[in-house]
C-alpha atoms as a PDB file:
ATOM      1  CA  MET A   1      -2.706  -1.307   7.633  1.00  0.00           C
ATOM      2  CA  THR A   2      -5.859   0.266   9.225  1.00  0.00           C
ATOM      3  CA  GLY A   3      -5.422   3.560  11.778  1.00  0.00           C
ATOM      4  CA  PHE A   4      -6.972   6.236  13.387  1.00  0.00           C
ATOM      5  CA  GLY A   5      -5.470   9.628  14.990  1.00  0.00           C
ATOM      6  CA  LEU A   6      -6.971  12.517  16.129  1.00  0.00           C
ATOM      7  CA  ALA A   7      -5.382  15.655  17.529  1.00  0.00           C
ATOM      8  CA  GLU A   8      -7.228  19.179  18.532  1.00  0.00           C
ATOM      9  CA  ALA A   9      -5.329  22.518  19.441  1.00  0.00           C
ATOM     10  CA  VAL A  10      -7.116  25.986  20.258  1.00  0.00           C
ATOM     11  CA  THR A  11      -4.842  28.453  18.146  1.00  0.00           C
ATOM     12  CA  PRO A  12      -5.794  32.554  17.563  1.00  0.00           C
ATOM     13  CA  SER A  13      -7.327  31.793  14.382  1.00  0.00           C
ATOM     14  CA  GLY A  14      -9.494  29.053  15.676  1.00  0.00           C
ATOM     15  CA  THR A  15      -9.659  25.329  17.488  1.00  0.00           C
ATOM     16  CA  TYR A  16      -8.614  22.963  15.039  1.00  0.00           C
ATOM     17  CA  CYS A  17      -9.416  19.436  14.821  1.00  0.00           C
ATOM     18  CA  VAL A  18      -7.421  16.602  12.832  1.00  0.00           C
ATOM     19  CA  GLU A  19      -9.082  13.232  11.928  1.00  0.00           C
ATOM     20  CA  ILE A  20      -7.092  10.729  10.067  1.00  0.00           C
ATOM     21  CA  ARG A  21      -8.973   7.204   9.464  1.00  0.00           C
ATOM     22  CA  GLY A  22      -6.750   4.533   6.971  1.00  0.00           C
ATOM     23  CA  VAL A  23      -7.800   0.885   6.175  1.00  0.00           C
ATOM     24  CA  ASN A  24      -5.319  -1.125   3.604  1.00  0.00           C
ATOM     25  CA  ASN A  25      -4.524  -0.368   0.057  1.00  0.00           C
ATOM     26  CA  ARG A  26      -1.879  -1.262  -2.337  1.00  0.00           C
ATOM     27  CA  PHE A  27      -1.175   2.568  -2.991  1.00  0.00           C
ATOM     28  CA  LEU A  28      -1.918   5.837  -1.276  1.00  0.00           C
ATOM     29  CA  GLU A  29      -5.151   7.183  -1.897  1.00  0.00           C
ATOM     30  CA  LEU A  30      -5.963  10.040  -0.030  1.00  0.00           C
ATOM     31  CA  GLN A  31      -9.248  11.940   0.569  1.00  0.00           C
ATOM     32  CA  LEU A  32      -9.243  15.672   2.201  1.00  0.00           C
ATOM     33  CA  ARG A  33     -12.126  17.291   3.958  1.00  0.00           C
ATOM     34  CA  GLN A  34     -11.113  20.922   5.287  1.00  0.00           C
ATOM     35  CA  PRO A  35     -13.149  24.252   5.481  1.00  0.00           C
ATOM     36  CA  ARG A  36     -12.875  26.130   2.493  1.00  0.00           C
ATOM     37  CA  PHE A  37     -10.777  28.734   3.971  1.00  0.00           C
ATOM     38  CA  VAL A  38      -8.011  26.059   4.012  1.00  0.00           C
ATOM     39  CA  ASN A  39      -8.583  25.044   0.523  1.00  0.00           C
ATOM     40  CA  ASN A  40      -4.912  26.860  -0.649  1.00  0.00           C
ATOM     41  CA  LEU A  41      -3.424  24.958   1.958  1.00  0.00           C
ATOM     42  CA  GLU A  42      -4.032  21.404   0.331  1.00  0.00           C
ATOM     43  CA  PRO A  43      -1.043  20.849  -1.212  1.00  0.00           C
ATOM     44  CA  GLN A  44       0.948  21.392   2.426  1.00  0.00           C
ATOM     45  CA  VAL A  45      -1.382  19.073   3.960  1.00  0.00           C
ATOM     46  CA  ARG A  46      -0.754  16.190   1.387  1.00  0.00           C
ATOM     47  CA  LYS A  47       3.005  16.753   1.207  1.00  0.00           C
ATOM     48  CA  GLU A  48       3.039  16.271   5.154  1.00  0.00           C
ATOM     49  CA  ILE A  49       0.995  13.209   4.764  1.00  0.00           C
ATOM     50  CA  GLN A  50       2.849  11.584   1.952  1.00  0.00           C
ATOM     51  CA  SER A  51       6.457  12.251   3.743  1.00  0.00           C
ATOM     52  CA  VAL A  52       5.476   9.914   6.226  1.00  0.00           C
ATOM     53  CA  ILE A  53       2.864   7.433   5.057  1.00  0.00           C
ATOM     54  CA  SER A  54       3.305   5.779   1.330  1.00  0.00           C
ATOM     55  CA  ARG A  55       0.544   3.200   1.347  1.00  0.00           C
ATOM     56  CA  GLY A  56      -3.609   3.031   2.429  1.00  0.00           C
ATOM     57  CA  SER A  57      -6.598   4.504   1.861  1.00  0.00           C
ATOM     58  CA  LEU A  58      -6.836   8.070   4.172  1.00  0.00           C
ATOM     59  CA  THR A  59      -9.417  10.121   4.955  1.00  0.00           C
ATOM     60  CA  VAL A  60      -8.362  13.426   6.594  1.00  0.00           C
ATOM     61  CA  ILE A  61     -10.896  15.812   8.004  1.00  0.00           C
ATOM     62  CA  ILE A  62     -10.093  18.980   9.477  1.00  0.00           C
ATOM     63  CA  THR A  63     -12.411  21.328  10.875  1.00  0.00           C
ATOM     64  CA  CYS A  64     -12.174  24.793  12.825  1.00  0.00           C
ATOM     65  CA  ASP A  65     -14.565  26.065  15.376  1.00  0.00           C
ATOM     66  CA  ARG A  66     -13.648  29.513  15.323  1.00  0.00           C
ATOM     67  CA  GLU A  67     -14.439  32.162  17.476  1.00  0.00           C
ATOM     68  CA  ALA A  68     -17.661  34.584  16.592  1.00  0.00           C
ATOM     69  CA  GLU A  69     -15.600  37.639  16.411  1.00  0.00           C
ATOM     70  CA  SER A  70     -13.303  35.546  13.832  1.00  0.00           C
ATOM     71  CA  ARG A  71     -16.391  34.700  11.923  1.00  0.00           C
ATOM     72  CA  LYS A  72     -17.463  38.189  10.975  1.00  0.00           C
ATOM     73  CA  LEU A  73     -19.121  38.657   7.641  1.00  0.00           C
ATOM     74  CA  SER A  74     -18.033  40.876   4.459  1.00  0.00           C
ATOM     75  CA  TYR A  75     -18.833  41.712   1.483  1.00  0.00           C
ATOM     76  CA  ASP A  76     -16.859  42.902  -2.007  1.00  0.00           C
ATOM     77  CA  LYS A  77     -17.848  45.675  -2.818  1.00  0.00           C
ATOM     78  CA  GLN A  78     -15.878  46.037  -6.297  1.00  0.00           C
ATOM     79  CA  ALA A  79     -17.521  42.947  -7.059  1.00  0.00           C
ATOM     80  CA  VAL A  80     -20.879  43.920  -6.176  1.00  0.00           C
ATOM     81  CA  GLN A  81     -20.244  47.031  -8.396  1.00  0.00           C
ATOM     82  CA  GLN A  82     -18.725  45.288 -11.309  1.00  0.00           C
ATOM     83  CA  TYR A  83     -21.983  42.837 -10.890  1.00  0.00           C
ATOM     84  CA  ILE A  84     -24.533  45.713 -10.990  1.00  0.00           C
ATOM     85  CA  LYS A  85     -22.658  47.477 -14.090  1.00  0.00           C
ATOM     86  CA  ILE A  86     -22.763  43.318 -16.064  1.00  0.00           C
ATOM     87  CA  LEU A  87     -26.670  43.325 -14.793  1.00  0.00           C
ATOM     88  CA  ARG A  88     -27.177  47.018 -16.093  1.00  0.00           C
ATOM     89  CA  GLU A  89     -25.507  46.647 -19.331  1.00  0.00           C
ATOM     90  CA  ILE A  90     -27.277  43.180 -20.107  1.00  0.00           C
ATOM     91  CA  LYS A  91     -31.044  44.503 -19.366  1.00  0.00           C
ATOM     92  CA  ASP A  92     -30.215  47.853 -21.442  1.00  0.00           C
ATOM     93  CA  ARG A  93     -28.651  45.549 -24.271  1.00  0.00           C
ATOM     94  CA  TYR A  94     -31.679  43.193 -24.230  1.00  0.00           C
ATOM     95  CA  LYS A  95     -34.635  45.907 -23.346  1.00  0.00           C
ATOM     96  CA  LEU A  96     -34.934  44.252 -19.915  1.00  0.00           C
ATOM     97  CA  LYS A  97     -37.703  45.220 -17.636  1.00  0.00           C
ATOM     98  CA  GLY A  98     -36.934  46.086 -14.070  1.00  0.00           C
ATOM     99  CA  ASP A  99     -33.410  47.273 -12.360  1.00  0.00           C
ATOM    100  CA  VAL A 100     -31.046  44.994 -10.736  1.00  0.00           C
ATOM    101  CA  SER A 101     -32.099  43.589  -7.364  1.00  0.00           C
ATOM    102  CA  LEU A 102     -30.735  42.389  -4.124  1.00  0.00           C
ATOM    103  CA  GLU A 103     -31.942  38.865  -5.062  1.00  0.00           C
ATOM    104  CA  GLU A 104     -30.113  38.761  -8.012  1.00  0.00           C
ATOM    105  CA  LEU A 105     -27.009  40.092  -6.417  1.00  0.00           C
ATOM    106  CA  ILE A 106     -26.919  37.483  -3.510  1.00  0.00           C
ATOM    107  CA  THR A 107     -26.940  34.625  -6.025  1.00  0.00           C
ATOM    108  CA  PHE A 108     -23.618  35.165  -6.233  1.00  0.00           C
ATOM    109  CA  SER A 109     -21.562  33.347  -3.758  1.00  0.00           C
ATOM    110  CA  ASP A 110     -18.244  35.039  -3.835  1.00  0.00           C
ATOM    111  CA  ILE A 111     -19.966  38.420  -2.595  1.00  0.00           C
ATOM    112  CA  ILE A 112     -20.314  37.798   1.107  1.00  0.00           C
ATOM    113  CA  LYS A 113     -17.895  36.024   2.613  1.00  0.00           C
ATOM    114  CA  ALA A 114     -16.456  35.430   6.212  1.00  0.00           C
ATOM    115  CA  ASP A 115     -14.064  38.020   7.164  1.00  0.00           C
ATOM    116  CA  SER A 116     -10.370  35.987   7.868  1.00  0.00           C
ATOM    117  CA  ALA A 117      -8.213  38.902   6.691  1.00  0.00           C
ATOM    118  CA  SER A 118      -6.211  38.931   9.683  1.00  0.00           C
ATOM    119  CA  PHE A 119      -4.973  35.375   9.250  1.00  0.00           C
ATOM    120  CA  ASP A 120      -3.094  34.457   6.044  1.00  0.00           C
ATOM    121  CA  ASP A 121      -2.709  31.283   4.748  1.00  0.00           C
ATOM    122  CA  GLU A 122       1.139  31.360   6.486  1.00  0.00           C
ATOM    123  CA  MET A 123      -0.352  32.114   9.703  1.00  0.00           C
ATOM    124  CA  ILE A 124      -3.235  29.702   9.515  1.00  0.00           C
ATOM    125  CA  TRP A 125      -0.659  27.122   8.207  1.00  0.00           C
ATOM    126  CA  LYS A 126       1.558  27.719  11.241  1.00  0.00           C
ATOM    127  CA  HIS A 127      -1.617  26.784  13.627  1.00  0.00           C
ATOM    128  CA  ILE A 128      -2.817  23.845  11.639  1.00  0.00           C
ATOM    129  CA  ARG A 129       0.332  22.164  10.972  1.00  0.00           C
ATOM    130  CA  PRO A 130       1.463  20.884  14.578  1.00  0.00           C
ATOM    131  CA  VAL A 131      -2.268  19.705  14.989  1.00  0.00           C
ATOM    132  CA  LEU A 132      -1.936  17.670  11.676  1.00  0.00           C
ATOM    133  CA  LEU A 133       1.358  16.327  12.533  1.00  0.00           C
ATOM    134  CA  LYS A 134       0.153  15.207  16.455  1.00  0.00           C
ATOM    135  CA  ALA A 135      -2.744  13.473  14.255  1.00  0.00           C
ATOM    136  CA  ILE A 136      -0.232  11.563  12.212  1.00  0.00           C
ATOM    137  CA  GLY A 137       1.762  10.686  14.853  1.00  0.00           C
ATOM    138  CA  ALA A 138      -1.446   9.394  16.528  1.00  0.00           C
ATOM    139  CA  PHE A 139      -2.409   7.499  13.396  1.00  0.00           C
ATOM    140  CA  GLN A 140       1.220   5.445  13.322  1.00  0.00           C
ATOM    141  CA  LYS A 141       0.755   4.487  16.833  1.00  0.00           C
ATOM    142  CA  THR A 142      -1.826   2.618  15.882  1.00  0.00           C
ATOM    143  CA  ARG A 143      -0.419   0.992  12.912  1.00  0.00           C
ATOM    144  CA  GLU A 144       2.815  -0.094  14.755  1.00  0.00           C
ATOM    145  CA  LYS A 145       0.394  -1.841  17.143  1.00  0.00           C
ATOM    146  CA  GLU A 146      -1.312  -3.761  14.432  1.00  0.00           C
ATOM    147  CA  ALA A 147       1.971  -4.135  12.607  1.00  0.00           C
ATOM    148  CA  ALA A 148       3.666  -6.077  15.841  1.00  0.00           C
ATOM    149  CA  PHE A 149       0.782  -8.401  15.437  1.00  0.00           C
ATOM    150  CA  ILE A 150       1.371  -9.081  11.506  1.00  0.00           C
ATOM    151  CA  LEU A 151       5.259  -9.180  11.748  1.00  0.00           C
ATOM    152  CA  LYS A 152       4.489 -11.993  14.366  1.00  0.00           C
ATOM    153  CA  ASP A 153       2.445 -14.014  11.842  1.00  0.00           C
ATOM    154  CA  LEU A 154       4.901 -13.271   9.002  1.00  0.00           C
ATOM    155  CA  LYS A 155       7.836 -14.565  10.609  1.00  0.00           C
ATOM    156  CA  GLN A 156       5.895 -17.779  11.577  1.00  0.00           C
ATOM    157  CA  THR A 157       4.793 -18.458   8.235  1.00  0.00           C
ATOM    158  CA  LEU A 158       8.443 -17.646   6.831  1.00  0.00           C
ATOM    159  CA  ALA A 159       9.855 -20.311   9.365  1.00  0.00           C
ATOM    160  CA  GLY A 160       6.959 -22.473   7.706  1.00  0.00           C
ATOM    161  CA  ILE A 161       8.063 -22.002   4.465  1.00  0.00           C
ATOM    162  CA  GLU A 162      11.926 -22.648   5.449  1.00  0.00           C
ATOM    163  CA  LYS A 163      11.341 -26.015   7.272  1.00  0.00           C
ATOM    164  CA  THR A 164       8.987 -26.887   4.167  1.00  0.00           C
ATOM    165  CA  LEU A 165      12.274 -26.153   2.158  1.00  0.00           C
ATOM    166  CA  ARG A 166      14.554 -28.110   4.111  1.00  0.00           C
ATOM    167  CA  LEU A 167      12.441 -31.014   3.806  1.00  0.00           C
ATOM    168  CA  ILE A 168      12.195 -31.058  -0.239  1.00  0.00           C
ATOM    169  CA  GLU A 169      16.056 -30.504  -0.180  1.00  0.00           C
ATOM    170  CA  LYS A 170      16.666 -33.503   1.963  1.00  0.00           C
ATOM    171  CA  ARG A 171      14.170 -35.595   0.020  1.00  0.00           C
ATOM    172  CA  ALA A 172      15.815 -34.848  -3.794  1.00  0.00           C
ATOM    173  CA  PRO A 173      18.600 -36.629  -3.544  1.00  0.00           C
ATOM    174  CA  VAL A 174      16.480 -39.735  -1.976  1.00  0.00           C
ATOM    175  CA  ARG A 175      13.950 -39.165  -4.674  1.00  0.00           C
ATOM    176  CA  MET A 176      16.861 -39.507  -7.705  1.00  0.00           C
ATOM    177  CA  GLN A 177      18.553 -42.256  -5.685  1.00  0.00           C
ATOM    178  CA  GLU A 178      14.934 -44.335  -6.079  1.00  0.00           C
ATOM    179  CA  TYR A 179      14.458 -43.148  -9.639  1.00  0.00           C
ATOM    180  CA  SER A 180      17.865 -44.660 -11.047  1.00  0.00           C
ATOM    181  CA  SER A 181      17.356 -47.607  -9.329  1.00  0.00           C
ATOM    182  CA  GLY A 182      13.596 -48.113 -10.647  1.00  0.00           C
ATOM    183  CA  LEU A 183      14.655 -46.714 -14.246  1.00  0.00           C
ATOM    184  CA  ARG A 184      17.276 -49.655 -13.866  1.00  0.00           C
ATOM    185  CA  GLU A 185      15.025 -52.410 -12.868  1.00  0.00           C
ATOM    186  CA  ARG A 186      12.481 -51.564 -15.521  1.00  0.00           C
ATOM    187  CA  ILE A 187      15.002 -51.516 -18.307  1.00  0.00           C
ATOM    188  CA  THR A 188      16.248 -55.028 -17.274  1.00  0.00           C
ATOM    189  CA  LYS A 189      12.876 -56.266 -17.043  1.00  0.00           C
ATOM    190  CA  LEU A 190      11.566 -54.977 -20.573  1.00  0.00           C
ATOM    191  CA  SER A 191      15.025 -55.765 -22.779  1.00  0.00           C
ATOM    192  CA  SER A 192      15.548 -59.181 -24.175  1.00  0.00           C
ATOM    193  CA  VAL A 193      19.247 -57.835 -24.861  1.00  0.00           C
ATOM    194  CA  GLN A 194      21.936 -57.009 -22.324  1.00  0.00           C
ATOM    195  CA  VAL A 195      21.981 -53.053 -22.413  1.00  0.00           C
ATOM    196  CA  ASP A 196      25.424 -51.350 -21.853  1.00  0.00           C
ATOM    197  CA  PRO A 197      25.455 -50.071 -18.443  1.00  0.00           C
ATOM    198  CA  SER A 198      27.080 -46.586 -19.368  1.00  0.00           C
ATOM    199  CA  ARG A 199      24.458 -46.002 -21.454  1.00  0.00           C
ATOM    200  CA  ILE A 200      22.135 -46.657 -18.543  1.00  0.00           C
ATOM    201  CA  ALA A 201      24.312 -43.808 -17.244  1.00  0.00           C
ATOM    202  CA  VAL A 202      24.263 -41.594 -19.723  1.00  0.00           C
ATOM    203  CA  GLU A 203      20.205 -41.377 -19.885  1.00  0.00           C
ATOM    204  CA  ILE A 204      19.854 -41.006 -16.093  1.00  0.00           C
ATOM    205  CA  ALA A 205      21.862 -38.386 -15.859  1.00  0.00           C
ATOM    206  CA  VAL A 206      20.338 -36.277 -18.686  1.00  0.00           C
ATOM    207  CA  LEU A 207      17.073 -37.126 -17.059  1.00  0.00           C
ATOM    208  CA  ALA A 208      18.641 -36.486 -13.269  1.00  0.00           C
ATOM    209  CA  ASP A 209      19.815 -32.868 -15.064  1.00  0.00           C
ATOM    210  CA  ARG A 210      16.554 -32.008 -16.404  1.00  0.00           C
ATOM    211  CA  LEU A 211      14.560 -32.927 -13.149  1.00  0.00           C
ATOM    212  CA  ASP A 212      17.659 -31.363 -10.698  1.00  0.00           C
ATOM    213  CA  ILE A 213      15.804 -28.679  -8.135  1.00  0.00           C
ATOM    214  CA  ALA A 214      19.074 -27.263  -6.022  1.00  0.00           C
ATOM    215  CA  GLU A 215      19.314 -24.180  -8.239  1.00  0.00           C
ATOM    216  CA  GLU A 216      15.414 -23.479  -7.668  1.00  0.00           C
ATOM    217  CA  CYS A 217      16.154 -24.154  -3.975  1.00  0.00           C
ATOM    218  CA  THR A 218      19.143 -22.042  -3.502  1.00  0.00           C
ATOM    219  CA  ARG A 219      17.346 -19.127  -5.491  1.00  0.00           C
ATOM    220  CA  LEU A 220      14.138 -19.566  -2.666  1.00  0.00           C
ATOM    221  CA  ARG A 221      16.413 -19.503   0.119  1.00  0.00           C
ATOM    222  CA  ALA A 222      18.262 -16.369  -1.424  1.00  0.00           C
ATOM    223  CA  HIS A 223      14.926 -14.799  -1.595  1.00  0.00           C
ATOM    224  CA  LEU A 224      13.978 -16.003   2.130  1.00  0.00           C
ATOM    225  CA  ALA A 225      17.201 -14.396   3.422  1.00  0.00           C
ATOM    226  CA  LYS A 226      16.495 -10.546   1.214  1.00  0.00           C
ATOM    227  CA  PHE A 227      12.886 -10.719   2.699  1.00  0.00           C
ATOM    228  CA  HIS A 228      14.066 -11.025   6.378  1.00  0.00           C
ATOM    229  CA  GLU A 229      16.567  -8.510   5.450  1.00  0.00           C
ATOM    230  CA  ASP A 230      14.075  -6.167   3.921  1.00  0.00           C
ATOM    231  CA  LEU A 231      11.334  -7.176   6.989  1.00  0.00           C
ATOM    232  CA  SER A 232      13.481  -5.248   9.241  1.00  0.00           C
ATOM    233  CA  ALA A 233      14.195  -2.238   7.339  1.00  0.00           C
ATOM    234  CA  ASP A 234      14.038   0.866   8.806  1.00  0.00           C
ATOM    235  CA  GLU A 235      12.276   2.400   5.261  1.00  0.00           C
ATOM    236  CA  PRO A 236       9.432   1.531   3.996  1.00  0.00           C
ATOM    237  CA  ALA A 237       9.659  -2.222   1.916  1.00  0.00           C
ATOM    238  CA  GLY A 238       6.344  -3.466   0.933  1.00  0.00           C
ATOM    239  CA  LYS A 239       6.631  -2.854  -2.445  1.00  0.00           C
ATOM    240  CA  ARG A 240      10.222  -4.512  -2.834  1.00  0.00           C
ATOM    241  CA  LEU A 241       8.656  -7.475  -0.837  1.00  0.00           C
ATOM    242  CA  SER A 242       5.879  -7.919  -2.990  1.00  0.00           C
ATOM    243  CA  PHE A 243       8.121  -8.237  -5.910  1.00  0.00           C
ATOM    244  CA  LEU A 244      10.630 -11.108  -3.696  1.00  0.00           C
ATOM    245  CA  LEU A 245       7.128 -12.657  -3.274  1.00  0.00           C
ATOM    246  CA  GLN A 246       6.516 -12.995  -6.901  1.00  0.00           C
ATOM    247  CA  GLU A 247      10.042 -14.253  -7.205  1.00  0.00           C
ATOM    248  CA  MET A 248       9.598 -16.867  -4.427  1.00  0.00           C
ATOM    249  CA  ASN A 249       6.380 -18.084  -6.106  1.00  0.00           C
ATOM    250  CA  ARG A 250       7.998 -18.521  -9.328  1.00  0.00           C
ATOM    251  CA  GLU A 251      10.114 -20.914  -7.580  1.00  0.00           C
ATOM    252  CA  ALA A 252       8.211 -23.078  -5.594  1.00  0.00           C
ATOM    253  CA  ASN A 253       6.245 -23.192  -9.053  1.00  0.00           C
ATOM    254  CA  THR A 254       9.268 -24.679 -11.344  1.00  0.00           C
ATOM    255  CA  ILE A 255       9.746 -27.041  -7.895  1.00  0.00           C
ATOM    256  CA  GLY A 256       6.751 -28.280  -8.252  1.00  0.00           C
ATOM    257  CA  SER A 257       6.965 -29.239 -12.085  1.00  0.00           C
ATOM    258  CA  LYS A 258      10.303 -30.661 -11.625  1.00  0.00           C
ATOM    259  CA  ALA A 259       9.030 -32.630  -8.763  1.00  0.00           C
ATOM    260  CA  ASN A 260       8.399 -35.884 -10.279  1.00  0.00           C
ATOM    261  CA  ASP A 261       7.402 -37.003  -6.938  1.00  0.00           C
ATOM    262  CA  THR A 262       4.706 -36.967  -5.147  1.00  0.00           C
ATOM    263  CA  GLU A 263       6.194 -35.685  -1.596  1.00  0.00           C
ATOM    264  CA  ILE A 264       7.852 -32.937  -3.537  1.00  0.00           C
ATOM    265  CA  ALA A 265       4.735 -32.237  -5.020  1.00  0.00           C
ATOM    266  CA  HIS A 266       2.524 -31.803  -2.432  1.00  0.00           C
ATOM    267  CA  ARG A 267       5.436 -29.763  -0.331  1.00  0.00           C
ATOM    268  CA  SER A 268       5.947 -27.542  -3.399  1.00  0.00           C
ATOM    269  CA  VAL A 269       1.800 -27.265  -3.205  1.00  0.00           C
ATOM    270  CA  SER A 270       2.252 -25.650   0.697  1.00  0.00           C
ATOM    271  CA  LEU A 271       4.884 -23.649   0.024  1.00  0.00           C
ATOM    272  CA  LYS A 272       2.501 -21.761  -2.360  1.00  0.00           C
ATOM    273  CA  GLU A 273       0.050 -21.605   0.335  1.00  0.00           C
ATOM    274  CA  ASP A 274       2.093 -20.022   2.788  1.00  0.00           C
ATOM    275  CA  ILE A 275       3.505 -17.637  -0.267  1.00  0.00           C
ATOM    276  CA  GLU A 276       0.026 -16.406  -0.784  1.00  0.00           C
ATOM    277  CA  LYS A 277      -1.149 -16.460   3.086  1.00  0.00           C
ATOM    278  CA  ILE A 278       2.311 -13.901   3.246  1.00  0.00           C
ATOM    279  CA  ARG A 279       1.067 -11.700  -0.016  1.00  0.00           C
ATOM    280  CA  GLU A 280      -2.322 -10.613   1.302  1.00  0.00           C
ATOM    281  CA  GLN A 281      -0.431  -9.699   4.446  1.00  0.00           C
ATOM    282  CA  ILE A 282       2.368  -7.713   2.516  1.00  0.00           C
ATOM    283  CA  GLN A 283      -0.679  -5.665   0.862  1.00  0.00           C
ATOM    284  CA  ASN A 284      -1.233  -4.289   4.143  1.00  0.00           C
ATOM    285  CA  ILE A 285       2.334  -3.204   4.924  1.00  0.00           C
ATOM    286  CA  GLU A 286       4.453   0.137   3.950  1.00  0.00           C
END
């Protein structure tokens, strides 16, 4: 499901803002954008999000507007000395002219850095985590609103499937009676001799067994009951529902192939259309 969450808070290490945007996806795809000093905390951020959200394509943006005094620049003296030493050795070894210049040194990005020594990763995580959790909460609320509409639509479609199934079950025995009567009439008309009624009965029984859809209807009804149960579950059930839909579609296909009846064949098509409609919606559900 789509969603949006935004949270902001002022902390001793800066003003943090967390923005979460999400669109539909069968799996969880997570893209993070954060300041460089937060890079070490990426595993914690991912773990916090994955503990709540299991589906969707998410973009999480963390920004920090630090106070000027917390952004003082410094340089790594030991690194500078090492760079100068190495560069001079290279110049001496290959008899290059000139000495090490400032222009050469500043090309190394790890020499000059923003001084954040007063706030280690643990402290920064304590400042960021509450903002992240608040953004996740806001994000989930927007998804819950969309979920309410999806759930209502799903229940209406499920009710349509159940109604169609009842009509198929009602038509099935009538179809067999009509087929048996028609078969007897055709045999009587085409046969020039008296046909043993028991032989006709055996043929009709064999055919009836081949065309019987009672088992498929029972399984489909069981899948529908389980679907309702999982749809009301508190934990994520999207993947289980997707599997149930595959099984429901399998039963609908079998009903259609064994129908040997125009009305049931048409209703089996209606079953598959409604199942496909639900399948598209389920991709948006955790």
